[in-house]
C-alpha atoms as a PDB file:
ATOM      1  CA  MET A   1      25.579  -9.832 -15.208  1.00  0.00           C
ATOM      2  CA  VAL A   2      23.257  -7.954 -17.042  1.00  0.00           C
ATOM      3  CA  GLU A   3      23.793  -4.354 -19.088  1.00  0.00           C
ATOM      4  CA  GLU A   4      23.572  -0.964 -17.427  1.00  0.00           C
ATOM      5  CA  GLY A   5      19.573   0.172 -17.350  1.00  0.00           C
ATOM      6  CA  ARG A   6      18.348  -3.166 -18.410  1.00  0.00           C
ATOM      7  CA  TRP A   7      14.728  -3.435 -16.360  1.00  0.00           C
ATOM      8  CA  GLY A   8      14.030  -6.427 -14.450  1.00  0.00           C
ATOM      9  CA  ILE A   9      10.113  -6.383 -14.352  1.00  0.00           C
ATOM     10  CA  ILE A  10       7.850  -8.735 -12.115  1.00  0.00           C
ATOM     11  CA  TYR A  11       4.733  -9.102 -13.864  1.00  0.00           C
ATOM     12  CA  CYS A  12       2.241  -9.946 -11.105  1.00  0.00           C
ATOM     13  CA  PRO A  13      -0.877 -10.897 -12.908  1.00  0.00           C
ATOM     14  CA  LYS A  14      -4.165  -9.721 -11.776  1.00  0.00           C
ATOM     15  CA  GLY A  15      -7.087 -12.217 -11.816  1.00  0.00           C
ATOM     16  CA  GLY A  16     -10.821 -12.493 -11.542  1.00  0.00           C
ATOM     17  CA  LEU A  17     -13.429 -13.550 -14.324  1.00  0.00           C
ATOM     18  CA  LEU A  18     -12.630 -10.128 -16.353  1.00  0.00           C
ATOM     19  CA  GLY A  19      -8.838 -10.836 -15.784  1.00  0.00           C
ATOM     20  CA  ASN A  20      -6.863 -11.800 -19.131  1.00  0.00           C
ATOM     21  CA  PRO A  21      -2.920 -11.918 -17.771  1.00  0.00           C
ATOM     22  CA  VAL A  22      -1.693 -13.004 -21.324  1.00  0.00           C
ATOM     23  CA  LYS A  23      -3.524 -10.361 -23.253  1.00  0.00           C
ATOM     24  CA  ARG A  24      -2.171  -7.667 -20.617  1.00  0.00           C
ATOM     25  CA  TRP A  25       1.199  -8.645 -20.903  1.00  0.00           C
ATOM     26  CA  GLU A  26       1.456  -8.707 -24.238  1.00  0.00           C
ATOM     27  CA  GLN A  27      -0.267  -5.106 -24.165  1.00  0.00           C
ATOM     28  CA  ALA A  28       3.120  -4.211 -22.008  1.00  0.00           C
ATOM     29  CA  GLU A  29       5.298  -6.203 -24.315  1.00  0.00           C
ATOM     30  CA  ARG A  30       4.816  -4.306 -27.548  1.00  0.00           C
ATOM     31  CA  CYS A  31       4.722  -0.880 -25.680  1.00  0.00           C
ATOM     32  CA  LEU A  32       8.073  -1.914 -24.120  1.00  0.00           C
ATOM     33  CA  GLN A  33       9.528  -3.102 -27.436  1.00  0.00           C
ATOM     34  CA  ALA A  34       8.135   0.340 -29.228  1.00  0.00           C
ATOM     35  CA  HIS A  35       9.862   2.209 -26.938  1.00  0.00           C
ATOM     36  CA  ASN A  36      13.389   0.138 -27.243  1.00  0.00           C
ATOM     37  CA  ILE A  37      13.264  -0.482 -23.776  1.00  0.00           C
ATOM     38  CA  GLN A  38      15.900  -3.496 -22.697  1.00  0.00           C
ATOM     39  CA  TYR A  39      14.222  -5.445 -19.970  1.00  0.00           C
ATOM     40  CA  ASP A  40      14.040  -8.834 -19.011  1.00  0.00           C
ATOM     41  CA  MET A  41      10.494 -10.390 -17.233  1.00  0.00           C
ATOM     42  CA  VAL A  42       9.480 -12.771 -14.568  1.00  0.00           C
ATOM     43  CA  GLN A  43       6.293 -13.681 -13.460  1.00  0.00           C
ATOM     44  CA  SER A  44       5.065 -14.449  -9.808  1.00  0.00           C
ATOM     45  CA  GLU A  45       3.550 -17.549  -9.248  1.00  0.00           C
ATOM     46  CA  ASN A  46       1.523 -16.478  -5.953  1.00  0.00           C
ATOM     47  CA  PRO A  47       0.817 -13.009  -4.092  1.00  0.00           C
ATOM     48  CA  ARG A  48       4.011 -14.089  -1.836  1.00  0.00           C
ATOM     49  CA  SER A  49       6.658 -14.490  -4.689  1.00  0.00           C
ATOM     50  CA  VAL A  50       7.769 -10.933  -5.025  1.00  0.00           C
ATOM     51  CA  ASP A  51      10.486 -10.695  -2.500  1.00  0.00           C
ATOM     52  CA  ARG A  52      11.996 -14.017  -3.920  1.00  0.00           C
ATOM     53  CA  LEU A  53      12.006 -12.186  -7.073  1.00  0.00           C
ATOM     54  CA  VAL A  54      12.788  -8.882  -6.501  1.00  0.00           C
ATOM     55  CA  ARG A  55      16.127 -10.718  -4.552  1.00  0.00           C
ATOM     56  CA  MET A  56      16.854 -12.878  -7.382  1.00  0.00           C
ATOM     57  CA  LEU A  57      16.676  -9.951  -9.633  1.00  0.00           C
ATOM     58  CA  ILE A  58      19.411  -7.843  -7.283  1.00  0.00           C
ATOM     59  CA  SER A  59      21.484 -10.363  -7.121  1.00  0.00           C
ATOM     60  CA  ASN A  60      21.643 -11.151 -10.996  1.00  0.00           C
ATOM     61  CA  GLY A  61      22.625  -7.518 -11.305  1.00  0.00           C
ATOM     62  CA  TYR A  62      19.641  -5.182 -12.068  1.00  0.00           C
ATOM     63  CA  LYS A  63      19.524  -1.742 -10.806  1.00  0.00           C
ATOM     64  CA  THR A  64      16.164  -1.013 -12.229  1.00  0.00           C
ATOM     65  CA  ILE A  65      13.110  -3.044 -10.720  1.00  0.00           C
ATOM     66  CA  ILE A  66       9.571  -2.530 -12.159  1.00  0.00           C
ATOM     67  CA  ILE A  67       6.767  -4.111 -10.203  1.00  0.00           C
ATOM     68  CA  TYR A  68       3.785  -4.608 -12.902  1.00  0.00           C
ATOM     69  CA  GLY A  69       1.172  -5.262 -10.194  1.00  0.00           C
ATOM     70  CA  GLY A  70      -0.280  -3.329  -7.130  1.00  0.00           C
ATOM     71  CA  ASP A  71      -0.010  -2.079  -3.748  1.00  0.00           C
ATOM     72  CA  SER A  72       0.432  -5.463  -2.409  1.00  0.00           C
ATOM     73  CA  ALA A  73       3.602  -6.254  -4.883  1.00  0.00           C
ATOM     74  CA  LEU A  74       4.824  -2.798  -4.124  1.00  0.00           C
ATOM     75  CA  ASN A  75       5.164  -3.543  -0.103  1.00  0.00           C
ATOM     76  CA  ASP A  76       6.614  -6.731  -0.726  1.00  0.00           C
ATOM     77  CA  ALA A  77       9.384  -5.097  -3.167  1.00  0.00           C
ATOM     78  CA  VAL A  78       9.898  -2.137  -0.508  1.00  0.00           C
ATOM     79  CA  ASN A  79      10.410  -5.004   2.500  1.00  0.00           C
ATOM     80  CA  TYR A  80      13.185  -6.955   0.841  1.00  0.00           C
ATOM     81  CA  LEU A  81      14.633  -3.545  -0.297  1.00  0.00           C
ATOM     82  CA  MET A  82      14.663  -2.593   3.123  1.00  0.00           C
ATOM     83  CA  LEU A  83      16.700  -5.465   4.241  1.00  0.00           C
ATOM     84  CA  LEU A  84      19.445  -4.450   2.215  1.00  0.00           C
ATOM     85  CA  GLU A  85      22.342  -2.368   3.668  1.00  0.00           C
ATOM     86  CA  PRO A  86      21.658   1.393   3.221  1.00  0.00           C
ATOM     87  CA  GLU A  87      24.617   1.706   0.577  1.00  0.00           C
ATOM     88  CA  GLU A  88      23.105  -1.468  -1.575  1.00  0.00           C
ATOM     89  CA  ARG A  89      19.598  -0.073  -1.184  1.00  0.00           C
ATOM     90  CA  GLU A  90      20.959   3.388  -2.754  1.00  0.00           C
ATOM     91  CA  ARG A  91      22.299   1.613  -5.842  1.00  0.00           C
ATOM     92  CA  ILE A  92      18.519   0.416  -6.597  1.00  0.00           C
ATOM     93  CA  THR A  93      15.588   1.612  -8.312  1.00  0.00           C
ATOM     94  CA  LEU A  94      11.877   0.947  -7.796  1.00  0.00           C
ATOM     95  CA  GLY A  95       8.844   1.531 -10.577  1.00  0.00           C
ATOM     96  CA  VAL A  96       5.479   0.692 -11.082  1.00  0.00           C
ATOM     97  CA  ILE A  97       3.379  -0.248 -13.557  1.00  0.00           C
ATOM     98  CA  PRO A  98      -0.051  -0.454 -11.598  1.00  0.00           C
ATOM     99  CA  ASN A  99      -1.571  -4.034 -12.335  1.00  0.00           C
ATOM    100  CA  GLY A 100      -2.901  -4.838  -9.363  1.00  0.00           C
ATOM    101  CA  VAL A 101      -6.489  -5.290  -6.976  1.00  0.00           C
ATOM    102  CA  LEU A 102      -5.391  -1.897  -5.104  1.00  0.00           C
ATOM    103  CA  ASN A 103      -3.322   0.445  -6.927  1.00  0.00           C
ATOM    104  CA  ASP A 104      -3.494   3.575  -4.713  1.00  0.00           C
ATOM    105  CA  PHE A 105       0.084   4.306  -4.418  1.00  0.00           C
ATOM    106  CA  ALA A 106       0.775   4.577  -8.401  1.00  0.00           C
ATOM    107  CA  HIS A 107      -2.730   6.622  -8.433  1.00  0.00           C
ATOM    108  CA  PHE A 108      -0.832   8.979  -5.637  1.00  0.00           C
ATOM    109  CA  TRP A 109       2.062   9.657  -8.510  1.00  0.00           C
ATOM    110  CA  GLY A 110      -0.855  10.045 -11.621  1.00  0.00           C
ATOM    111  CA  PHE A 111       0.065   6.434 -13.007  1.00  0.00           C
ATOM    112  CA  ASP A 112      -3.070   4.862 -14.158  1.00  0.00           C
ATOM    113  CA  GLU A 113      -3.902   1.367 -15.509  1.00  0.00           C
ATOM    114  CA  SER A 114      -5.801   2.364 -18.223  1.00  0.00           C
ATOM    115  CA  ARG A 115      -2.581   4.526 -19.457  1.00  0.00           C
ATOM    116  CA  LEU A 116      -0.414   1.870 -20.272  1.00  0.00           C
ATOM    117  CA  GLU A 117       1.863   3.686 -22.496  1.00  0.00           C
ATOM    118  CA  GLN A 118       2.153   6.764 -21.280  1.00  0.00           C
ATOM    119  CA  THR A 119       3.350   5.041 -17.454  1.00  0.00           C
ATOM    120  CA  ILE A 120       6.188   3.318 -19.956  1.00  0.00           C
ATOM    121  CA  VAL A 121       6.950   6.596 -21.377  1.00  0.00           C
ATOM    122  CA  TRP A 122       7.181   8.083 -17.786  1.00  0.00           C
ATOM    123  CA  LEU A 123       9.507   5.618 -16.420  1.00  0.00           C
ATOM    124  CA  LYS A 124      11.926   5.646 -19.006  1.00  0.00           C
ATOM    125  CA  GLN A 125      12.424   9.142 -18.504  1.00  0.00           C
ATOM    126  CA  LYS A 126      13.835   8.006 -14.928  1.00  0.00           C
ATOM    127  CA  ARG A 127      13.215  10.873 -13.074  1.00  0.00           C
ATOM    128  CA  VAL A 128      14.060   9.518  -9.204  1.00  0.00           C
ATOM    129  CA  ARG A 129      12.605  10.806  -6.166  1.00  0.00           C
ATOM    130  CA  ARG A 130      13.779   9.646  -2.975  1.00  0.00           C
ATOM    131  CA  VAL A 131      11.061   8.267  -0.710  1.00  0.00           C
ATOM    132  CA  ASP A 132       9.775   7.917   2.777  1.00  0.00           C
ATOM    133  CA  VAL A 133       8.792   4.647   4.045  1.00  0.00           C
ATOM    134  CA  GLY A 134       6.780   3.949   7.133  1.00  0.00           C
ATOM    135  CA  CYS A 135       7.305   1.075   9.712  1.00  0.00           C
ATOM    136  CA  ILE A 136       4.975  -0.944  12.320  1.00  0.00           C
ATOM    137  CA  ARG A 137       6.697  -2.764  14.808  1.00  0.00           C
ATOM    138  CA  TYR A 138       5.190  -5.099  16.867  1.00  0.00           C
ATOM    139  CA  GLU A 139       5.087  -9.004  18.766  1.00  0.00           C
ATOM    140  CA  ASN A 140       3.152 -11.245  17.714  1.00  0.00           C
ATOM    141  CA  LYS A 141       1.367 -14.222  19.369  1.00  0.00           C
ATOM    142  CA  LYS A 142       4.875 -16.315  19.510  1.00  0.00           C
ATOM    143  CA  ASN A 143       6.533 -13.292  21.280  1.00  0.00           C
ATOM    144  CA  GLU A 144       8.375 -12.652  17.907  1.00  0.00           C
ATOM    145  CA  ARG A 145       9.497  -9.455  17.103  1.00  0.00           C
ATOM    146  CA  CYS A 146       8.201  -8.265  13.938  1.00  0.00           C
ATOM    147  CA  ARG A 147       8.140  -5.418  11.777  1.00  0.00           C
ATOM    148  CA  ARG A 148       6.698  -4.488   8.221  1.00  0.00           C
ATOM    149  CA  TYR A 149       7.460  -1.466   5.846  1.00  0.00           C
ATOM    150  CA  PHE A 150       4.581   0.280   3.895  1.00  0.00           C
ATOM    151  CA  LEU A 151       4.552   2.780   1.482  1.00  0.00           C
ATOM    152  CA  ASN A 152       0.527   3.581   1.731  1.00  0.00           C
ATOM    153  CA  CYS A 153      -1.125   3.452   4.952  1.00  0.00           C
ATOM    154  CA  VAL A 154      -1.540   1.231   8.185  1.00  0.00           C
ATOM    155  CA  ASN A 155      -5.156   0.518   8.765  1.00  0.00           C
ATOM    156  CA  ILE A 156      -6.806  -0.611  12.449  1.00  0.00           C
ATOM    157  CA  GLY A 157      -9.982  -1.682  12.679  1.00  0.00           C
ATOM    158  CA  MET A 158     -13.130  -1.758  10.347  1.00  0.00           C
ATOM    159  CA  VAL A 159     -11.475  -0.265   7.408  1.00  0.00           C
ATOM    160  CA  ALA A 160      -8.781  -3.289   7.654  1.00  0.00           C
ATOM    161  CA  ASN A 161     -11.572  -5.308   7.051  1.00  0.00           C
ATOM    162  CA  ILE A 162     -12.888  -3.273   4.259  1.00  0.00           C
ATOM    163  CA  MET A 163      -9.601  -3.417   2.400  1.00  0.00           C
ATOM    164  CA  SER A 164      -9.308  -7.180   2.820  1.00  0.00           C
ATOM    165  CA  LEU A 165     -13.179  -7.380   1.474  1.00  0.00           C
ATOM    166  CA  ARG A 166     -12.219  -5.464  -1.371  1.00  0.00           C
ATOM    167  CA  ARG A 167      -9.501  -7.265  -2.631  1.00  0.00           C
ATOM    168  CA  ARG A 168     -11.472 -10.371  -2.753  1.00  0.00           C
ATOM    169  CA  MET A 169     -14.331  -8.194  -4.978  1.00  0.00           C
ATOM    170  CA  ARG A 170     -12.337  -6.810  -6.983  1.00  0.00           C
ATOM    171  CA  HIS A 171     -11.525 -10.407  -8.444  1.00  0.00           C
ATOM    172  CA  LEU A 172     -14.772 -10.530  -9.054  1.00  0.00           C
ATOM    173  CA  PHE A 173     -15.874  -6.664 -10.083  1.00  0.00           C
ATOM    174  CA  ILE A 174     -13.996  -4.570 -12.106  1.00  0.00           C
ATOM    175  CA  SER A 175     -15.211  -1.563 -10.896  1.00  0.00           C
ATOM    176  CA  ARG A 176     -13.447  -0.167  -7.400  1.00  0.00           C
ATOM    177  CA  THR A 177     -16.574   2.149  -6.553  1.00  0.00           C
ATOM    178  CA  ILE A 178     -18.522  -1.090  -6.467  1.00  0.00           C
ATOM    179  CA  SER A 179     -16.260  -3.202  -5.145  1.00  0.00           C
ATOM    180  CA  PHE A 180     -15.648  -0.860  -2.449  1.00  0.00           C
ATOM    181  CA  ILE A 181     -19.469  -0.178  -1.642  1.00  0.00           C
ATOM    182  CA  LEU A 182     -20.250  -4.082  -1.729  1.00  0.00           C
ATOM    183  CA  SER A 183     -17.369  -4.287   0.823  1.00  0.00           C
ATOM    184  CA  CYS A 184     -19.057  -1.854   3.310  1.00  0.00           C
ATOM    185  CA  PHE A 185     -22.708  -3.146   2.904  1.00  0.00           C
ATOM    186  CA  LEU A 186     -21.035  -6.767   4.205  1.00  0.00           C
ATOM    187  CA  LEU A 187     -19.431  -4.849   6.671  1.00  0.00           C
ATOM    188  CA  MET A 188     -22.573  -3.597   7.893  1.00  0.00           C
ATOM    189  CA  PHE A 189     -23.063  -7.259   9.333  1.00  0.00           C
ATOM    190  CA  GLN A 190     -19.869  -7.105  11.301  1.00  0.00           C
ATOM    191  CA  ARG A 191     -18.464  -5.534  14.396  1.00  0.00           C
ATOM    192  CA  MET A 192     -17.756  -1.932  13.374  1.00  0.00           C
ATOM    193  CA  ASP A 193     -15.677  -0.418  16.487  1.00  0.00           C
ATOM    194  CA  PHE A 194     -12.829  -1.896  18.554  1.00  0.00           C
ATOM    195  CA  PHE A 195     -10.930  -0.879  21.707  1.00  0.00           C
ATOM    196  CA  MET A 196      -7.723   1.074  21.276  1.00  0.00           C
ATOM    197  CA  SER A 197      -5.280   3.020  23.644  1.00  0.00           C
ATOM    198  CA  LEU A 198      -3.194   5.364  21.378  1.00  0.00           C
ATOM    199  CA  LYS A 199      -0.449   7.949  22.389  1.00  0.00           C
ATOM    200  CA  ILE A 200      -0.235  10.403  19.138  1.00  0.00           C
ATOM    201  CA  ASN A 201       2.506  13.752  20.199  1.00  0.00           C
ATOM    202  CA  THR A 202       0.812  14.647  23.478  1.00  0.00           C
ATOM    203  CA  ASP A 203      -2.361  12.935  23.208  1.00  0.00           C
ATOM    204  CA  SER A 204      -3.696   9.734  25.023  1.00  0.00           C
ATOM    205  CA  ILE A 205      -6.739   8.185  23.680  1.00  0.00           C
ATOM    206  CA  LYS A 206      -8.420   5.341  24.923  1.00  0.00           C
ATOM    207  CA  GLN A 207     -11.551   4.668  23.437  1.00  0.00           C
ATOM    208  CA  ARG A 208     -13.703   2.403  21.810  1.00  0.00           C
ATOM    209  CA  LEU A 209     -12.867   3.402  17.661  1.00  0.00           C
ATOM    210  CA  MET A 210     -14.558   2.650  14.552  1.00  0.00           C
ATOM    211  CA  THR A 211     -11.184   2.799  12.271  1.00  0.00           C
ATOM    212  CA  VAL A 212      -7.502   4.301  12.606  1.00  0.00           C
ATOM    213  CA  CYS A 213      -5.454   5.145   9.081  1.00  0.00           C
ATOM    214  CA  ILE A 214      -1.587   5.599   9.705  1.00  0.00           C
ATOM    215  CA  GLY A 215      -0.813   7.258   6.336  1.00  0.00           C
ATOM    216  CA  ASN A 216       2.800   7.774   4.750  1.00  0.00           C
ATOM    217  CA  ALA A 217       0.525   9.146   1.215  1.00  0.00           C
ATOM    218  CA  GLN A 218      -3.157   8.959   0.714  1.00  0.00           C
ATOM    219  CA  GLY A 219      -4.436   5.766   2.386  1.00  0.00           C
ATOM    220  CA  TYR A 220      -7.096   5.145   0.288  1.00  0.00           C
ATOM    221  CA  GLY A 221      -8.674   8.115   0.575  1.00  0.00           C
ATOM    222  CA  GLN A 222      -8.143   8.634   4.426  1.00  0.00           C
ATOM    223  CA  THR A 223      -5.515  10.723   4.681  1.00  0.00           C
ATOM    224  CA  PRO A 224      -5.710  12.654   1.874  1.00  0.00           C
ATOM    225  CA  ASN A 225      -3.018  15.134   2.679  1.00  0.00           C
ATOM    226  CA  ALA A 226      -0.699  13.136   3.039  1.00  0.00           C
ATOM    227  CA  VAL A 227       2.807  13.002   1.221  1.00  0.00           C
ATOM    228  CA  PRO A 228       5.310  10.194   1.333  1.00  0.00           C
ATOM    229  CA  TYR A 229       8.255  12.873   1.351  1.00  0.00           C
ATOM    230  CA  ASN A 230       7.892  14.994   4.401  1.00  0.00           C
ATOM    231  CA  GLY A 231       8.944  12.724   7.059  1.00  0.00           C
ATOM    232  CA  LEU A 232       5.509  12.861   8.582  1.00  0.00           C
ATOM    233  CA  LEU A 233       2.530  10.831   9.005  1.00  0.00           C
ATOM    234  CA  ASP A 234      -0.665  11.550   8.689  1.00  0.00           C
ATOM    235  CA  VAL A 235      -3.250   9.996  11.146  1.00  0.00           C
ATOM    236  CA  SER A 236      -7.024   9.821  10.634  1.00  0.00           C
ATOM    237  CA  ILE A 237      -9.435   8.670  13.930  1.00  0.00           C
ATOM    238  CA  VAL A 238     -12.703   7.750  13.399  1.00  0.00           C
ATOM    239  CA  SER A 239     -14.442   7.373  16.642  1.00  0.00           C
ATOM    240  CA  GLN A 240     -17.671   5.371  17.229  1.00  0.00           C
ATOM    241  CA  PRO A 241     -20.696   6.729  14.380  1.00  0.00           C
ATOM    242  CA  LYS A 242     -24.297   6.007  14.631  1.00  0.00           C
ATOM    243  CA  LEU A 243     -25.093   3.535  11.838  1.00  0.00           C
ATOM    244  CA  TRP A 244     -26.177   6.975   9.578  1.00  0.00           C
ATOM    245  CA  GLN A 245     -22.939   8.141  10.085  1.00  0.00           C
ATOM    246  CA  ALA A 246     -20.827   5.702   8.856  1.00  0.00           C
ATOM    247  CA  MET A 247     -22.870   5.366   5.908  1.00  0.00           C
ATOM    248  CA  GLU A 248     -21.720   9.184   5.542  1.00  0.00           C
ATOM    249  CA  GLY A 249     -18.517   8.674   6.014  1.00  0.00           C
ATOM    250  CA  MET A 250     -18.541   5.769   3.252  1.00  0.00           C
ATOM    251  CA  TYR A 251     -19.746   8.391   0.749  1.00  0.00           C
ATOM    252  CA  LEU A 252     -17.318  10.914   1.882  1.00  0.00           C
ATOM    253  CA  LEU A 253     -14.565   8.393   1.690  1.00  0.00           C
ATOM    254  CA  LEU A 254     -15.435   7.475  -1.686  1.00  0.00           C
ATOM    255  CA  ARG A 255     -15.107  11.167  -2.694  1.00  0.00           C
ATOM    256  CA  ASP A 256     -11.437  11.835  -0.849  1.00  0.00           C
ATOM    257  CA  LYS A 257     -13.148  14.243   1.657  1.00  0.00           C
ATOM    258  CA  ILE A 258     -12.938  12.157   4.732  1.00  0.00           C
ATOM    259  CA  LEU A 259     -11.760  14.522   6.660  1.00  0.00           C
ATOM    260  CA  ASN A 260     -15.024  16.631   6.305  1.00  0.00           C
ATOM    261  CA  HIS A 261     -16.845  14.119   8.674  1.00  0.00           C
ATOM    262  CA  ARG A 262     -17.766  15.168  11.926  1.00  0.00           C
ATOM    263  CA  ASN A 263     -16.366  12.099  13.664  1.00  0.00           C
ATOM    264  CA  VAL A 264     -12.515  11.941  12.266  1.00  0.00           C
ATOM    265  CA  MET A 265      -9.887  13.420  14.076  1.00  0.00           C
ATOM    266  CA  PRO A 266      -6.597  14.163  12.092  1.00  0.00           C
ATOM    267  CA  TYR A 267      -2.883  14.462  13.526  1.00  0.00           C
ATOM    268  CA  ARG A 268       0.171  14.537  11.890  1.00  0.00           C
ATOM    269  CA  THR A 269       3.233  13.040  13.825  1.00  0.00           C
ATOM    270  CA  GLN A 270       6.942  11.107  13.408  1.00  0.00           C
ATOM    271  CA  GLU A 271       5.421   8.044  15.646  1.00  0.00           C
ATOM    272  CA  LEU A 272       2.939   6.752  17.406  1.00  0.00           C
ATOM    273  CA  SER A 273       1.963   3.966  19.876  1.00  0.00           C
ATOM    274  CA  GLY A 274      -0.622   2.341  20.703  1.00  0.00           C
ATOM    275  CA  LEU A 275      -2.148  -1.140  22.044  1.00  0.00           C
ATOM    276  CA  ILE A 276      -5.478  -2.497  20.925  1.00  0.00           C
ATOM    277  CA  ALA A 277      -8.031  -5.162  21.657  1.00  0.00           C
ATOM    278  CA  GLU A 278      -6.992  -8.970  20.649  1.00  0.00           C
ATOM    279  CA  HIS A 279      -8.600  -9.931  17.098  1.00  0.00           C
ATOM    280  CA  THR A 280      -9.009  -5.855  16.274  1.00  0.00           C
ATOM    281  CA  PRO A 281      -7.736  -6.210  12.501  1.00  0.00           C
ATOM    282  CA  VAL A 282      -5.128  -4.788  11.294  1.00  0.00           C
ATOM    283  CA  SER A 283      -4.007  -4.094   7.268  1.00  0.00           C
ATOM    284  CA  VAL A 284      -0.541  -2.677   5.983  1.00  0.00           C
ATOM    285  CA  ASP A 285      -1.121  -1.756   2.608  1.00  0.00           C
ATOM    286  CA  GLY A 286      -4.263  -3.104   2.378  1.00  0.00           C
ATOM    287  CA  ARG A 287      -3.103  -6.535   3.407  1.00  0.00           C
ATOM    288  CA  LEU A 288      -4.469  -8.284   6.575  1.00  0.00           C
ATOM    289  CA  LEU A 289      -1.468  -8.820   8.881  1.00  0.00           C
ATOM    290  CA  ASN A 290      -1.870 -12.190  10.285  1.00  0.00           C
ATOM    291  CA  GLY A 291      -2.759 -11.981  13.682  1.00  0.00           C
ATOM    292  CA  THR A 292      -3.554  -8.659  15.633  1.00  0.00           C
ATOM    293  CA  PRO A 293       0.153  -7.139  17.307  1.00  0.00           C
ATOM    294  CA  VAL A 294       0.135  -8.393  21.061  1.00  0.00           C
ATOM    295  CA  GLY A 295       1.144  -5.870  23.456  1.00  0.00           C
ATOM    296  CA  THR A 296       2.552  -2.044  22.491  1.00  0.00           C
ATOM    297  CA  PHE A 297       3.288  -1.273  18.780  1.00  0.00           C
ATOM    298  CA  THR A 298       4.727   1.779  17.263  1.00  0.00           C
ATOM    299  CA  ILE A 299       4.065   3.084  13.934  1.00  0.00           C
ATOM    300  CA  GLY A 300       7.403   5.446  12.539  1.00  0.00           C
ATOM    301  CA  VAL A 301       8.477   6.540   9.499  1.00  0.00           C
ATOM    302  CA  GLU A 302      11.927   6.589   7.608  1.00  0.00           C
ATOM    303  CA  LYS A 303      12.628   9.423   5.529  1.00  0.00           C
ATOM    304  CA  GLU A 304      13.846   8.883   1.974  1.00  0.00           C
ATOM    305  CA  VAL A 305      15.586   5.395   1.569  1.00  0.00           C
ATOM    306  CA  ILE A 306      13.613   4.275  -1.158  1.00  0.00           C
ATOM    307  CA  ASN A 307      14.592   5.389  -5.056  1.00  0.00           C
ATOM    308  CA  PHE A 308      11.006   5.570  -6.713  1.00  0.00           C
ATOM    309  CA  LEU A 309      10.528   6.036 -10.481  1.00  0.00           C
ATOM    310  CA  ILE A 310       8.057   8.935 -10.752  1.00  0.00           C
ATOM    311  CA  PRO A 311       5.757  10.951 -13.886  1.00  0.00           C
ATOM    312  CA  ASP A 312       7.330  13.510 -15.488  1.00  0.00           C
END
């Protein structure tokens, strides 16, 4: 068993043409040693190995798990923690050093990839906040009941495809804005609307929609007023816009002002249910689900279930 207070760090290298994972880790190592932090580091071999590494660290007695990665790695860690009994999960604290393709949840708290030392100083202060976790429950094509937890958001429709393309673009381009704009440009040649049936609070919506974002946090700019500690989800629904209105919406999204768009309907709720057409893309924290949910799905929120390290 490890000594009390020792960090277990899972390093998720960022690939791409401009990535230098060894240099990035050496920089973090110098900062950790300069601040006298006791730690052990394991490196994820692939994007799907994070949950296995979290399980290994917890079984070896680590109580502070730091994800040196992005939204997808955080998502995998949270999904493993949610498998634990509440009493065991209560003893674990999760933190993040942003290093991924998408770092929206880290940005919500003020963490920045370019301020590595400041991030480590904040984490060392061990200021813990209990945060909410969203959950989508659905059946897959094999009629298996599935659930996936999320810290940031679920996207349904066109923006789910944008986030998937954006992840791939960021492996080639360092700029978040450039990768987003290129992703939007490529999507102009793809399907832009999907038939959806949604039940939110007392409203029923049955129509073709461009995209729906259900945010536990800021949802990559689509739910800018959402916070992961009020027990509620923010929902932004974008109806069928004309092409020029879609371009305007992309511009407002980049400026975090998407709620000002005339085609956006905002909601706040504890739970929603829905039914969507086959082949409608659905992403959870920026990663596409493997197949569209079959039949009715529900999305809800579990209040204050994860201990998370936040800035001072």
